[in-house]
C-alpha atoms as a PDB file:
ATOM      1  CA  MET A   1       0.000   0.000   0.000  1.00  0.00           C
ATOM      2  CA  ASN A   2       1.539   3.331  -0.995  1.00  0.00           C
ATOM      3  CA  GLU A   3       1.879   6.314   1.330  1.00  0.00           C
ATOM      4  CA  ILE A   4      -1.104   8.251  -0.036  1.00  0.00           C
ATOM      5  CA  THR A   5      -3.369   5.205   0.210  1.00  0.00           C
ATOM      6  CA  GLN A   6      -2.197   4.652   3.801  1.00  0.00           C
ATOM      7  CA  LEU A   7      -2.997   8.275   4.657  1.00  0.00           C
ATOM      8  CA  ALA A   8      -6.481   7.947   3.140  1.00  0.00           C
ATOM      9  CA  ALA A   9      -7.126   4.703   5.042  1.00  0.00           C
ATOM     10  CA  GLU A  10      -6.062   6.302   8.336  1.00  0.00           C
ATOM     11  CA  LEU A  11      -8.283   9.303   7.591  1.00  0.00           C
ATOM     12  CA  GLY A  12     -11.214   6.941   7.136  1.00  0.00           C
ATOM     13  CA  ARG A  13     -10.544   5.250  10.470  1.00  0.00           C
ATOM     14  CA  ARG A  14     -10.395   8.604  12.272  1.00  0.00           C
ATOM     15  CA  LEU A  15     -13.518   9.964  10.618  1.00  0.00           C
ATOM     16  CA  GLN A  16     -15.439   6.811  11.506  1.00  0.00           C
ATOM     17  CA  VAL A  17     -14.463   7.244  15.174  1.00  0.00           C
ATOM     18  CA  LEU A  18     -15.851  10.784  14.932  1.00  0.00           C
ATOM     19  CA  ASN A  19     -18.888   9.685  12.909  1.00  0.00           C
ATOM     20  CA  ALA A  20     -17.933  12.494  10.516  1.00  0.00           C
ATOM     21  CA  HIS A  21     -17.754  13.051   6.767  1.00  0.00           C
ATOM     22  CA  VAL A  22     -15.279  14.819   4.499  1.00  0.00           C
ATOM     23  CA  SER A  23     -15.613  16.603   1.171  1.00  0.00           C
ATOM     24  CA  THR A  24     -12.997  17.907  -1.239  1.00  0.00           C
ATOM     25  CA  ALA A  25     -12.801  21.014  -3.429  1.00  0.00           C
ATOM     26  CA  GLU A  26      -9.978  20.625  -5.924  1.00  0.00           C
ATOM     27  CA  SER A  27      -8.420  22.639  -8.678  1.00  0.00           C
ATOM     28  CA  CYS A  28      -4.772  21.767  -9.434  1.00  0.00           C
ATOM     29  CA  THR A  29      -5.152  18.142  -8.277  1.00  0.00           C
ATOM     30  CA  GLY A  30      -8.051  17.505 -10.646  1.00  0.00           C
ATOM     31  CA  GLY A  31      -9.844  15.127  -8.283  1.00  0.00           C
ATOM     32  CA  GLY A  32      -6.721  13.367  -7.016  1.00  0.00           C
ATOM     33  CA  ILE A  33      -7.633  13.805  -3.358  1.00  0.00           C
ATOM     34  CA  ALA A  34     -11.109  12.366  -3.886  1.00  0.00           C
ATOM     35  CA  GLU A  35      -9.607   9.523  -5.924  1.00  0.00           C
ATOM     36  CA  ALA A  36      -7.182   8.669  -3.109  1.00  0.00           C
ATOM     37  CA  ILE A  37     -10.019   8.666  -0.574  1.00  0.00           C
ATOM     38  CA  THR A  38     -12.305   6.500  -2.694  1.00  0.00           C
ATOM     39  CA  ARG A  39      -9.556   3.903  -3.183  1.00  0.00           C
ATOM     40  CA  ILE A  40     -10.448   2.837   0.341  1.00  0.00           C
ATOM     41  CA  ALA A  41     -13.133   0.177   0.537  1.00  0.00           C
ATOM     42  CA  GLY A  42     -16.046   1.470   2.579  1.00  0.00           C
ATOM     43  CA  SER A  43     -15.195   5.133   2.003  1.00  0.00           C
ATOM     44  CA  SER A  44     -18.855   5.804   1.239  1.00  0.00           C
ATOM     45  CA  ALA A  45     -19.346   5.733   5.032  1.00  0.00           C
ATOM     46  CA  TRP A  46     -17.243   8.887   5.464  1.00  0.00           C
ATOM     47  CA  PHE A  47     -16.665  10.550   2.076  1.00  0.00           C
ATOM     48  CA  GLU A  48     -19.473  12.896   1.132  1.00  0.00           C
ATOM     49  CA  ALA A  49     -18.571  14.697  -2.120  1.00  0.00           C
ATOM     50  CA  GLY A  50     -15.770  15.881  -4.347  1.00  0.00           C
ATOM     51  CA  TYR A  51     -15.831  19.082  -6.379  1.00  0.00           C
ATOM     52  CA  VAL A  52     -13.339  19.476  -9.208  1.00  0.00           C
ATOM     53  CA  THR A  53     -13.564  23.168 -10.024  1.00  0.00           C
ATOM     54  CA  TYR A  54     -10.709  23.735 -12.403  1.00  0.00           C
ATOM     55  CA  SER A  55     -12.016  26.944 -13.947  1.00  0.00           C
ATOM     56  CA  ASN A  56     -12.752  30.115 -12.017  1.00  0.00           C
ATOM     57  CA  ARG A  57     -16.278  30.042 -13.432  1.00  0.00           C
ATOM     58  CA  GLN A  58     -16.893  26.648 -11.824  1.00  0.00           C
ATOM     59  CA  LYS A  59     -15.378  27.763  -8.532  1.00  0.00           C
ATOM     60  CA  THR A  60     -18.024  30.500  -8.539  1.00  0.00           C
ATOM     61  CA  GLN A  61     -20.906  28.368  -9.852  1.00  0.00           C
ATOM     62  CA  GLN A  62     -20.359  25.242  -7.765  1.00  0.00           C
ATOM     63  CA  LEU A  63     -18.734  26.621  -4.614  1.00  0.00           C
ATOM     64  CA  LYS A  64     -19.947  30.248  -4.585  1.00  0.00           C
ATOM     65  CA  VAL A  65     -16.427  31.724  -4.595  1.00  0.00           C
ATOM     66  CA  PRO A  66     -16.986  35.473  -5.095  1.00  0.00           C
ATOM     67  CA  GLY A  67     -15.967  36.317  -8.679  1.00  0.00           C
ATOM     68  CA  GLU A  68     -14.188  39.516  -7.684  1.00  0.00           C
ATOM     69  CA  LEU A  69     -11.607  37.523  -5.705  1.00  0.00           C
ATOM     70  CA  PHE A  70     -10.015  36.251  -8.921  1.00  0.00           C
ATOM     71  CA  GLU A  71      -9.225  39.788 -10.048  1.00  0.00           C
ATOM     72  CA  GLN A  72      -8.239  40.980  -6.579  1.00  0.00           C
ATOM     73  CA  VAL A  73      -5.988  38.127  -5.358  1.00  0.00           C
ATOM     74  CA  GLY A  74      -5.995  35.425  -8.059  1.00  0.00           C
ATOM     75  CA  ALA A  75      -7.226  31.838  -8.015  1.00  0.00           C
ATOM     76  CA  VAL A  76      -4.108  30.660  -6.167  1.00  0.00           C
ATOM     77  CA  SER A  77      -4.722  32.506  -2.907  1.00  0.00           C
ATOM     78  CA  ARG A  78      -5.768  32.109   0.706  1.00  0.00           C
ATOM     79  CA  GLU A  79      -9.061  33.878   0.076  1.00  0.00           C
ATOM     80  CA  VAL A  80     -10.060  31.602  -2.808  1.00  0.00           C
ATOM     81  CA  VAL A  81      -9.213  28.287  -1.110  1.00  0.00           C
ATOM     82  CA  GLU A  82     -10.958  29.391   2.065  1.00  0.00           C
ATOM     83  CA  ALA A  83     -14.076  30.242   0.035  1.00  0.00           C
ATOM     84  CA  MET A  84     -13.760  26.904  -1.785  1.00  0.00           C
ATOM     85  CA  VAL A  85     -13.574  24.917   1.449  1.00  0.00           C
ATOM     86  CA  ARG A  86     -16.572  26.765   2.879  1.00  0.00           C
ATOM     87  CA  GLY A  87     -18.526  26.089  -0.322  1.00  0.00           C
ATOM     88  CA  ALA A  88     -17.697  22.378  -0.178  1.00  0.00           C
ATOM     89  CA  GLN A  89     -18.843  22.180   3.436  1.00  0.00           C
ATOM     90  CA  ARG A  90     -22.006  24.184   2.762  1.00  0.00           C
ATOM     91  CA  ASN A  91     -22.972  22.098  -0.278  1.00  0.00           C
ATOM     92  CA  SER A  92     -22.225  18.701   1.241  1.00  0.00           C
ATOM     93  CA  HIS A  93     -22.908  19.310   4.945  1.00  0.00           C
ATOM     94  CA  ALA A  94     -19.593  17.585   5.718  1.00  0.00           C
ATOM     95  CA  ARG A  95     -17.906  18.419   9.013  1.00  0.00           C
ATOM     96  CA  PHE A  96     -14.466  18.256   7.379  1.00  0.00           C
ATOM     97  CA  ALA A  97     -13.357  19.545   3.992  1.00  0.00           C
ATOM     98  CA  VAL A  98     -10.163  20.356   2.138  1.00  0.00           C
ATOM     99  CA  ALA A  99      -9.625  22.734  -0.776  1.00  0.00           C
ATOM    100  CA  VAL A 100      -6.579  23.192  -3.001  1.00  0.00           C
ATOM    101  CA  SER A 101      -5.613  25.631  -5.734  1.00  0.00           C
ATOM    102  CA  GLY A 102      -2.148  25.880  -7.176  1.00  0.00           C
ATOM    103  CA  ILE A 103       0.231  26.100 -10.083  1.00  0.00           C
ATOM    104  CA  ALA A 104       1.332  22.582 -10.974  1.00  0.00           C
ATOM    105  CA  GLY A 105       3.208  23.631 -14.108  1.00  0.00           C
ATOM    106  CA  PRO A 106       5.062  23.358 -16.264  1.00  0.00           C
ATOM    107  CA  ASP A 107       3.644  26.773 -17.247  1.00  0.00           C
ATOM    108  CA  GLY A 108       1.537  29.354 -15.465  1.00  0.00           C
ATOM    109  CA  GLY A 109       3.971  30.519 -12.827  1.00  0.00           C
ATOM    110  CA  SER A 110       5.080  34.076 -12.159  1.00  0.00           C
ATOM    111  CA  PRO A 111       7.755  35.644  -9.956  1.00  0.00           C
ATOM    112  CA  ALA A 112       5.108  36.199  -7.257  1.00  0.00           C
ATOM    113  CA  LYS A 113       3.592  32.726  -7.638  1.00  0.00           C
ATOM    114  CA  PRO A 114       6.111  30.335  -9.180  1.00  0.00           C
ATOM    115  CA  VAL A 115       5.283  26.829 -10.389  1.00  0.00           C
ATOM    116  CA  GLY A 116       4.826  24.645  -7.322  1.00  0.00           C
ATOM    117  CA  THR A 117       2.900  27.292  -5.341  1.00  0.00           C
ATOM    118  CA  VAL A 118      -0.188  25.718  -3.780  1.00  0.00           C
ATOM    119  CA  TRP A 119      -2.719  27.090  -1.318  1.00  0.00           C
ATOM    120  CA  LEU A 120      -4.527  24.560   0.863  1.00  0.00           C
ATOM    121  CA  ALA A 121      -7.450  25.137   3.228  1.00  0.00           C
ATOM    122  CA  TRP A 122      -9.116  22.801   5.694  1.00  0.00           C
ATOM    123  CA  GLY A 123     -12.574  23.305   7.086  1.00  0.00           C
ATOM    124  CA  VAL A 124     -13.257  21.732  10.478  1.00  0.00           C
ATOM    125  CA  GLY A 125     -16.753  22.539  11.623  1.00  0.00           C
ATOM    126  CA  GLU A 126     -16.863  26.338  11.787  1.00  0.00           C
ATOM    127  CA  ALA A 127     -13.068  26.770  11.747  1.00  0.00           C
ATOM    128  CA  VAL A 128     -10.921  27.268   8.642  1.00  0.00           C
ATOM    129  CA  PHE A 129      -7.166  26.721   8.488  1.00  0.00           C
ATOM    130  CA  SER A 130      -5.049  27.569   5.449  1.00  0.00           C
ATOM    131  CA  GLU A 131      -1.443  27.594   4.339  1.00  0.00           C
ATOM    132  CA  CYS A 132       0.681  28.215   1.279  1.00  0.00           C
ATOM    133  CA  ARG A 133       3.172  25.550   0.269  1.00  0.00           C
ATOM    134  CA  HIS A 134       5.878  25.503  -2.390  1.00  0.00           C
ATOM    135  CA  PHE A 135       6.424  22.028  -3.816  1.00  0.00           C
ATOM    136  CA  PRO A 136       9.443  21.145  -5.961  1.00  0.00           C
ATOM    137  CA  GLY A 137       9.378  18.961  -9.037  1.00  0.00           C
ATOM    138  CA  ASN A 138       7.431  18.453 -12.225  1.00  0.00           C
ATOM    139  CA  ARG A 139       3.646  18.630 -12.651  1.00  0.00           C
ATOM    140  CA  ASP A 140       3.019  15.079 -11.429  1.00  0.00           C
ATOM    141  CA  GLU A 141       5.261  15.580  -8.406  1.00  0.00           C
ATOM    142  CA  VAL A 142       3.587  18.862  -7.436  1.00  0.00           C
ATOM    143  CA  ARG A 143       0.149  17.265  -7.718  1.00  0.00           C
ATOM    144  CA  ARG A 144       1.197  14.182  -5.707  1.00  0.00           C
ATOM    145  CA  GLN A 145       2.732  16.313  -2.956  1.00  0.00           C
ATOM    146  CA  THR A 146      -0.441  18.414  -2.840  1.00  0.00           C
ATOM    147  CA  VAL A 147      -2.641  15.327  -2.412  1.00  0.00           C
ATOM    148  CA  LYS A 148      -0.332  14.086   0.348  1.00  0.00           C
ATOM    149  CA  ALA A 149      -0.330  17.457   2.153  1.00  0.00           C
ATOM    150  CA  ALA A 150      -4.126  17.708   1.895  1.00  0.00           C
ATOM    151  CA  LEU A 151      -4.599  14.265   3.460  1.00  0.00           C
ATOM    152  CA  GLU A 152      -1.985  14.926   6.151  1.00  0.00           C
ATOM    153  CA  GLY A 153      -3.792  18.131   7.101  1.00  0.00           C
ATOM    154  CA  LEU A 154      -7.134  16.347   7.293  1.00  0.00           C
ATOM    155  CA  LEU A 155      -5.554  13.683   9.503  1.00  0.00           C
ATOM    156  CA  GLN A 156      -4.090  16.291  11.851  1.00  0.00           C
ATOM    157  CA  HIS A 157      -7.405  18.104  12.169  1.00  0.00           C
ATOM    158  CA  ALA A 158      -9.343  14.865  12.691  1.00  0.00           C
ATOM    159  CA  ALA A 159      -6.822  13.782  15.359  1.00  0.00           C
ATOM    160  CA  GLY A 160      -7.325  17.135  17.101  1.00  0.00           C
ATOM    161  CA  GLU A 161     -11.076  16.560  17.130  1.00  0.00           C
ATOM    162  CA  ILE A 162     -10.608  13.069  18.602  1.00  0.00           C
ATOM    163  CA  SER A 163      -8.382  14.573  21.350  1.00  0.00           C
ATOM    164  CA  ASN A 164     -11.022  17.191  22.104  1.00  0.00           C
ATOM    165  CA  GLN A 165     -13.615  14.476  22.643  1.00  0.00           C
ATOM    166  CA  GLY A 166     -11.576  12.971  25.434  1.00  0.00           C
END
């Protein structure tokens, strides 16, 4: 079992303890996080929905990301991934969600946002956590590292919820 599959399996175990569900809102990973989760037999017990919103138009239509954000801060930004994660939670009623938007390459980077720049956001109930990461490598490597980071973040937040329950 590879590392990403192991992370997804552990996420499933933790979410089942919490009797909680997760949803994904993905851009640069193109559904890779949802695919990793649904590799796990029985994931229908804890995976609610996956949104692949590659275009800005779909981020707005499916997840209600305010259109003006794209002009103000760009699609690869804290504000956009936080709006994406909130939209995924709102649409699916999942307690946990993750959203990603980034520049996987090989093109599309800029001095301010080079290839490998990825914003991730995690929704945990009412709370939202976000961070910017810079992943090295080619397109496939950036996407794989993003999926891994998304799952690791979900695991950390689910573990925190388990701790809070006693």
